[in-house]
Amino acid sequence: MQTQKIDNKQRHIEVTAADLPLHCPTPATALWNAHPRVFLPIENSGEALCPYCGTRYTLKGGAAAHGH
């Protein structure tokens, strides 16, 4: 993710496996108008939508492979 603060109006954010577990708002979000933190399940589908602000997150490289 980016190291600089991102505007809360940005509606699409690409994340990497290093950003998991994913939550919104992210640490890079300007917090002055943030909503409560919510964890988003992105690993299975490669996409998640925040129910509070509508930001769409996509996992770079797509959904994670699962195996035992």
Protein backbone atom coordinates (compact mmCIF):
# COMPACT_ATOMS: atom_id res chain seq x y z
CA MET A 1 0.00 0.00 0.00
CA GLN A 2 1.00 3.61 -0.29
CA THR A 3 2.95 5.21 2.53
CA GLN A 4 1.35 8.63 2.14
CA LYS A 5 -2.12 9.29 3.49
CA ILE A 6 -4.87 8.63 0.97
CA ASP A 7 -8.03 10.66 0.62
CA ASN A 8 -11.13 9.01 2.09
CA LYS A 9 -12.91 9.85 -1.19
CA GLN A 10 -10.78 7.35 -3.10
CA ARG A 11 -13.16 4.52 -3.97
CA HIS A 12 -10.81 1.84 -5.30
CA ILE A 13 -7.68 0.63 -3.53
CA GLU A 14 -5.40 -2.19 -4.62
CA VAL A 15 -3.83 -4.12 -1.74
CA THR A 16 -1.21 -6.86 -1.50
CA ALA A 17 -0.86 -9.94 0.68
CA ALA A 18 1.30 -7.84 3.03
CA ASP A 19 -1.82 -5.75 3.83
CA LEU A 20 -3.77 -8.76 5.14
CA PRO A 21 -5.83 -9.08 7.23
CA LEU A 22 -7.58 -6.26 5.43
CA HIS A 23 -9.59 -3.67 7.28
CA CYS A 24 -11.22 -0.40 6.34
CA PRO A 25 -10.24 2.28 7.03
CA THR A 26 -6.66 1.31 6.34
CA PRO A 27 -3.68 2.77 8.22
CA ALA A 28 -3.00 4.99 5.19
CA THR A 29 -6.45 6.60 5.29
CA ALA A 30 -6.82 10.15 6.58
CA LEU A 31 -8.68 9.59 9.85
CA TRP A 32 -10.50 12.86 10.28
CA ASN A 33 -13.68 11.46 8.71
CA ALA A 34 -13.13 7.72 9.08
CA HIS A 35 -15.79 5.23 10.08
CA PRO A 36 -15.43 2.35 12.60
CA ARG A 37 -12.86 -0.29 11.61
CA VAL A 38 -14.34 -3.28 9.82
CA PHE A 39 -12.37 -6.32 8.68
CA LEU A 40 -13.02 -7.35 5.08
CA PRO A 41 -12.73 -10.94 3.78
CA ILE A 42 -10.79 -10.52 0.54
CA GLU A 43 -8.70 -13.70 0.43
CA ASN A 44 -11.26 -15.99 -1.26
CA SER A 45 -12.63 -13.73 -3.99
CA GLY A 46 -9.82 -11.21 -4.47
CA GLU A 47 -12.30 -8.33 -3.99
CA ALA A 48 -14.09 -6.74 -1.05
CA LEU A 49 -16.47 -3.83 -0.65
CA CYS A 50 -16.59 -1.78 2.55
CA PRO A 51 -20.17 -1.68 3.88
CA TYR A 52 -19.59 1.74 5.48
CA CYS A 53 -17.96 3.86 2.79
CA GLY A 54 -18.28 1.77 -0.38
CA THR A 55 -14.55 1.59 -1.06
CA ARG A 56 -13.73 -1.36 -3.33
CA TYR A 57 -10.55 -3.24 -2.50
CA THR A 58 -8.86 -5.61 -4.92
CA LEU A 59 -6.11 -8.03 -4.01
CA LYS A 60 -3.11 -7.66 -6.32
CA GLY A 61 -2.60 -11.04 -7.93
CA GLY A 62 -6.21 -12.12 -7.25
CA ALA A 63 -7.59 -14.57 -4.73
CA ALA A 64 -5.14 -16.51 -2.62
CA ALA A 65 -4.70 -20.22 -3.27
CA HIS A 66 -5.68 -22.46 -0.39
CA GLY A 67 -4.08 -25.75 0.51
CA HIS A 68 -3.23 -27.95 3.45
